[in-house]
Amino acid sequence: MQKFIADHLDAKIALDQWNYAAPWFDTFNTVAERNAMEAEVQAILSAKTNPADAVAAAQKAADELAAPVCRAGRAQGRARPRDRPVSLTRFLSARA
């Protein structure tokens, strides 16, 4: 590993960035999933729902948006992490 890093300085730069890394929301359809989350946050702020119901509704929307990608991944015999529905609860708790 040390020889590889000595030969590829860009790899060391990338490796050093892990010290500053934070959870990032990135999915197949980030804009639509983020819009679903933001709509639920707005519903909480306007007292139309409670946080638990909002997270459940946003998770349901994210699962529905990711379903075609998940099915395609399974059909091709692969299931990489990005091919599985995102866990909004895990993401939100990591950001808290």
N, C-alpha and C. Protein backbone atom coordinates (compact mmCIF):
# COMPACT_ATOMS: atom_id res chain seq x y z
N MET A 1 0.83 -1.19 0.00
CA MET A 1 0.00 0.00 0.00
C MET A 1 0.87 1.25 0.00
N GLN A 2 1.93 1.25 0.79
CA GLN A 2 2.80 2.42 0.85
C GLN A 2 3.47 2.69 -0.49
N LYS A 3 3.86 1.61 -1.20
CA LYS A 3 4.46 1.79 -2.51
C LYS A 3 3.42 2.33 -3.49
N PHE A 4 2.21 1.81 -3.42
CA PHE A 4 1.16 2.29 -4.32
C PHE A 4 0.93 3.78 -4.10
N ILE A 5 0.82 4.19 -2.86
CA ILE A 5 0.58 5.61 -2.56
C ILE A 5 1.77 6.47 -2.99
N ALA A 6 2.98 5.94 -2.83
CA ALA A 6 4.16 6.69 -3.29
C ALA A 6 4.12 6.87 -4.80
N ASP A 7 3.62 5.86 -5.51
CA ASP A 7 3.55 5.93 -6.97
C ASP A 7 2.33 6.70 -7.47
N HIS A 8 1.31 6.83 -6.64
CA HIS A 8 0.05 7.48 -7.04
C HIS A 8 -0.35 8.49 -5.97
N LEU A 9 0.22 9.66 -6.03
CA LEU A 9 -0.03 10.68 -5.01
C LEU A 9 -1.50 11.09 -4.95
N ASP A 10 -2.21 11.01 -6.07
CA ASP A 10 -3.63 11.36 -6.05
C ASP A 10 -4.42 10.41 -5.16
N ALA A 11 -3.98 9.16 -5.05
CA ALA A 11 -4.66 8.20 -4.16
C ALA A 11 -4.50 8.63 -2.70
N LYS A 12 -3.35 9.16 -2.35
CA LYS A 12 -3.14 9.63 -0.98
C LYS A 12 -4.04 10.82 -0.67
N ILE A 13 -4.20 11.71 -1.63
CA ILE A 13 -5.08 12.85 -1.42
C ILE A 13 -6.50 12.37 -1.16
N ALA A 14 -6.95 11.43 -1.98
CA ALA A 14 -8.30 10.89 -1.78
C ALA A 14 -8.41 10.20 -0.42
N LEU A 15 -7.41 9.43 -0.05
CA LEU A 15 -7.42 8.74 1.23
C LEU A 15 -7.45 9.72 2.40
N ASP A 16 -6.69 10.80 2.29
CA ASP A 16 -6.66 11.80 3.35
C ASP A 16 -8.01 12.51 3.52
N GLN A 17 -8.82 12.53 2.49
CA GLN A 17 -10.12 13.20 2.57
C GLN A 17 -11.09 12.48 3.50
N TRP A 18 -10.84 11.21 3.80
CA TRP A 18 -11.74 10.48 4.71
C TRP A 18 -11.81 11.16 6.08
N ASN A 19 -10.76 11.87 6.46
CA ASN A 19 -10.79 12.57 7.76
C ASN A 19 -11.86 13.65 7.80
N TYR A 20 -12.28 14.11 6.64
CA TYR A 20 -13.24 15.21 6.57
C TYR A 20 -14.59 14.77 6.00
N ALA A 21 -14.75 13.49 5.75
CA ALA A 21 -15.96 12.98 5.13
C ALA A 21 -17.15 13.03 6.09
N ALA A 22 -18.32 13.20 5.53
CA ALA A 22 -19.57 13.19 6.30
C ALA A 22 -20.62 12.46 5.47
N PRO A 23 -21.68 11.96 6.09
CA PRO A 23 -22.73 11.28 5.33
C PRO A 23 -23.26 12.19 4.22
N TRP A 24 -23.54 11.60 3.10
CA TRP A 24 -24.02 12.36 1.95
C TRP A 24 -25.22 11.66 1.35
N PHE A 25 -26.22 12.40 1.02
CA PHE A 25 -27.44 11.84 0.45
C PHE A 25 -27.29 11.79 -1.07
N ASP A 26 -27.15 10.59 -1.62
CA ASP A 26 -26.98 10.44 -3.06
C ASP A 26 -27.64 9.13 -3.47
N THR A 27 -28.64 9.23 -4.30
CA THR A 27 -29.37 8.05 -4.72
C THR A 27 -29.60 8.10 -6.22
N PHE A 28 -30.33 7.11 -6.72
CA PHE A 28 -30.66 7.04 -8.13
C PHE A 28 -31.40 8.29 -8.58
N ASN A 29 -32.33 8.75 -7.77
CA ASN A 29 -33.17 9.89 -8.14
C ASN A 29 -33.15 10.90 -7.00
N THR A 30 -32.00 11.48 -6.77
CA THR A 30 -31.77 12.33 -5.61
C THR A 30 -32.77 13.48 -5.51
N VAL A 31 -33.05 14.14 -6.61
CA VAL A 31 -33.93 15.32 -6.56
C VAL A 31 -35.33 14.92 -6.10
N ALA A 32 -35.89 13.89 -6.67
CA ALA A 32 -37.24 13.47 -6.28
C ALA A 32 -37.27 13.00 -4.83
N GLU A 33 -36.26 12.25 -4.41
CA GLU A 33 -36.23 11.76 -3.03
C GLU A 33 -36.01 12.92 -2.05
N ARG A 34 -35.16 13.85 -2.41
CA ARG A 34 -34.95 15.01 -1.54
C ARG A 34 -36.22 15.85 -1.47
N ASN A 35 -36.94 15.99 -2.60
CA ASN A 35 -38.21 16.73 -2.59
C ASN A 35 -39.22 16.06 -1.66
N ALA A 36 -39.25 14.74 -1.66
CA ALA A 36 -40.16 14.02 -0.76
C ALA A 36 -39.80 14.29 0.70
N MET A 37 -38.50 14.28 0.99
CA MET A 37 -38.06 14.58 2.37
C MET A 37 -38.41 16.01 2.74
N GLU A 38 -38.14 16.94 1.83
CA GLU A 38 -38.39 18.35 2.13
C GLU A 38 -39.88 18.63 2.32
N ALA A 39 -40.72 17.94 1.56
CA ALA A 39 -42.17 18.11 1.72
C ALA A 39 -42.60 17.65 3.11
N GLU A 40 -42.01 16.56 3.58
CA GLU A 40 -42.36 16.05 4.91
C GLU A 40 -41.81 16.96 6.01
N VAL A 41 -40.64 17.51 5.81
CA VAL A 41 -40.11 18.48 6.79
C VAL A 41 -41.03 19.69 6.86
N GLN A 42 -41.49 20.16 5.71
CA GLN A 42 -42.42 21.29 5.68
C GLN A 42 -43.72 20.94 6.39
N ALA A 43 -44.19 19.70 6.23
CA ALA A 43 -45.41 19.28 6.92
C ALA A 43 -45.22 19.29 8.43
N ILE A 44 -44.02 18.92 8.89
CA ILE A 44 -43.73 18.98 10.33
C ILE A 44 -43.73 20.43 10.80
N LEU A 45 -43.05 21.28 10.06
CA LEU A 45 -42.93 22.68 10.47
C LEU A 45 -44.28 23.40 10.48
N SER A 46 -45.18 22.97 9.62
CA SER A 46 -46.50 23.61 9.58
C SER A 46 -47.51 22.84 10.44
N ALA A 47 -47.01 21.93 11.27
CA ALA A 47 -47.83 21.16 12.23
C ALA A 47 -48.91 20.32 11.55
N LYS A 48 -48.66 19.86 10.34
CA LYS A 48 -49.62 19.00 9.64
C LYS A 48 -49.37 17.52 9.93
N THR A 49 -48.19 17.20 10.47
CA THR A 49 -47.86 15.82 10.81
C THR A 49 -46.80 15.83 11.90
N ASN A 50 -46.54 14.64 12.43
CA ASN A 50 -45.48 14.53 13.45
C ASN A 50 -44.24 13.92 12.80
N PRO A 51 -43.08 14.04 13.45
CA PRO A 51 -41.84 13.55 12.84
C PRO A 51 -41.85 12.07 12.47
N ALA A 52 -42.40 11.23 13.32
CA ALA A 52 -42.40 9.80 13.02
C ALA A 52 -43.21 9.50 11.76
N ASP A 53 -44.38 10.10 11.64
CA ASP A 53 -45.20 9.89 10.44
C ASP A 53 -44.54 10.50 9.20
N ALA A 54 -43.85 11.63 9.37
CA ALA A 54 -43.18 12.27 8.25
C ALA A 54 -42.04 11.40 7.73
N VAL A 55 -41.25 10.83 8.63
CA VAL A 55 -40.16 9.95 8.21
C VAL A 55 -40.72 8.72 7.51
N ALA A 56 -41.80 8.16 8.04
CA ALA A 56 -42.41 6.99 7.41
C ALA A 56 -42.91 7.32 6.01
N ALA A 57 -43.54 8.48 5.85
CA ALA A 57 -44.05 8.87 4.53
C ALA A 57 -42.91 9.14 3.55
N ALA A 58 -41.86 9.80 4.01
CA ALA A 58 -40.71 10.06 3.14
C ALA A 58 -40.01 8.76 2.77
N GLN A 59 -39.91 7.82 3.71
CA GLN A 59 -39.30 6.52 3.42
C GLN A 59 -40.13 5.77 2.39
N LYS A 60 -41.45 5.81 2.53
CA LYS A 60 -42.33 5.14 1.56
C LYS A 60 -42.13 5.74 0.16
N ALA A 61 -42.05 7.05 0.07
CA ALA A 61 -41.83 7.70 -1.22
C ALA A 61 -40.48 7.31 -1.80
N ALA A 62 -39.45 7.28 -0.96
CA ALA A 62 -38.11 6.90 -1.43
C ALA A 62 -38.10 5.46 -1.92
N ASP A 63 -38.78 4.56 -1.20
CA ASP A 63 -38.85 3.16 -1.62
C ASP A 63 -39.55 3.02 -2.96
N GLU A 64 -40.63 3.78 -3.16
CA GLU A 64 -41.36 3.72 -4.43
C GLU A 64 -40.50 4.26 -5.58
N LEU A 65 -39.75 5.33 -5.32
CA LEU A 65 -38.88 5.88 -6.36
C LEU A 65 -37.73 4.93 -6.70
N ALA A 66 -37.23 4.22 -5.71
CA ALA A 66 -36.09 3.32 -5.92
C ALA A 66 -36.50 1.95 -6.44
N ALA A 67 -37.77 1.60 -6.35
CA ALA A 67 -38.22 0.26 -6.71
C ALA A 67 -37.79 -0.19 -8.10
N PRO A 68 -37.95 0.63 -9.14
CA PRO A 68 -37.53 0.17 -10.47
C PRO A 68 -36.03 -0.15 -10.55
N VAL A 69 -35.22 0.65 -9.89
CA VAL A 69 -33.78 0.42 -9.91
C VAL A 69 -33.44 -0.84 -9.13
N CYS A 70 -34.11 -1.04 -8.00
CA CYS A 70 -33.86 -2.23 -7.19
C CYS A 70 -34.23 -3.49 -7.96
N ARG A 71 -35.39 -3.46 -8.62
CA ARG A 71 -35.81 -4.63 -9.42
C ARG A 71 -34.82 -4.90 -10.54
N ALA A 72 -34.36 -3.86 -11.22
CA ALA A 72 -33.40 -4.04 -12.31
C ALA A 72 -32.10 -4.63 -11.80
N GLY A 73 -31.63 -4.17 -10.65
CA GLY A 73 -30.40 -4.70 -10.08
C GLY A 73 -30.52 -6.16 -9.71
N ARG A 74 -31.64 -6.53 -9.10
CA ARG A 74 -31.85 -7.93 -8.73
C ARG A 74 -31.97 -8.79 -9.98
N ALA A 75 -32.63 -8.29 -11.01
CA ALA A 75 -32.81 -9.06 -12.25
C ALA A 75 -31.47 -9.34 -12.91
N GLN A 76 -30.52 -8.45 -12.73
CA GLN A 76 -29.20 -8.62 -13.33
C GLN A 76 -28.25 -9.36 -12.39
N GLY A 77 -28.77 -9.82 -11.25
CA GLY A 77 -27.97 -10.59 -10.31
C GLY A 77 -27.00 -9.75 -9.49
N ARG A 78 -27.31 -8.50 -9.31
CA ARG A 78 -26.44 -7.65 -8.51
C ARG A 78 -27.31 -6.87 -7.53
N ALA A 79 -26.72 -6.53 -6.42
CA ALA A 79 -27.44 -5.72 -5.43
C ALA A 79 -26.43 -4.85 -4.72
N ARG A 80 -25.88 -3.89 -5.43
CA ARG A 80 -24.95 -2.95 -4.81
C ARG A 80 -25.73 -2.07 -3.84
N PRO A 81 -25.04 -1.44 -2.88
CA PRO A 81 -25.75 -0.61 -1.91
C PRO A 81 -26.65 0.44 -2.54
N ARG A 82 -26.22 1.05 -3.65
CA ARG A 82 -27.06 2.09 -4.25
C ARG A 82 -28.28 1.51 -4.94
N ASP A 83 -28.31 0.17 -5.14
CA ASP A 83 -29.46 -0.46 -5.76
C ASP A 83 -30.55 -0.80 -4.74
N ARG A 84 -30.25 -0.59 -3.47
CA ARG A 84 -31.23 -0.85 -2.43
C ARG A 84 -31.86 0.47 -2.01
N PRO A 85 -33.09 0.41 -1.53
CA PRO A 85 -33.72 1.67 -1.07
C PRO A 85 -32.89 2.33 0.01
N VAL A 86 -32.86 3.63 -0.04
CA VAL A 86 -32.12 4.39 0.95
C VAL A 86 -32.89 4.38 2.27
N SER A 87 -32.18 4.31 3.37
CA SER A 87 -32.82 4.40 4.67
C SER A 87 -32.76 5.84 5.14
N LEU A 88 -33.87 6.53 5.04
CA LEU A 88 -33.90 7.93 5.44
C LEU A 88 -33.69 8.09 6.93
N THR A 89 -34.16 7.12 7.71
CA THR A 89 -33.97 7.19 9.15
C THR A 89 -32.49 7.15 9.49
N ARG A 90 -31.73 6.24 8.83
CA ARG A 90 -30.29 6.15 9.06
C ARG A 90 -29.60 7.43 8.62
N PHE A 91 -30.01 7.95 7.45
CA PHE A 91 -29.39 9.16 6.94
C PHE A 91 -29.64 10.34 7.88
N LEU A 92 -30.88 10.52 8.30
CA LEU A 92 -31.22 11.66 9.17
C LEU A 92 -30.56 11.55 10.52
N SER A 93 -30.46 10.34 11.07
CA SER A 93 -29.82 10.18 12.38
C SER A 93 -28.31 10.42 12.28
N ALA A 94 -27.71 10.11 11.13
CA ALA A 94 -26.28 10.36 10.95
C ALA A 94 -25.99 11.85 10.86
N ARG A 95 -26.96 12.61 10.37
CA ARG A 95 -26.77 14.06 10.22
C ARG A 95 -27.07 14.82 11.52
N ALA A 96 -27.74 14.18 12.47
CA ALA A 96 -28.14 14.88 13.70
C ALA A 96 -26.97 15.11 14.62
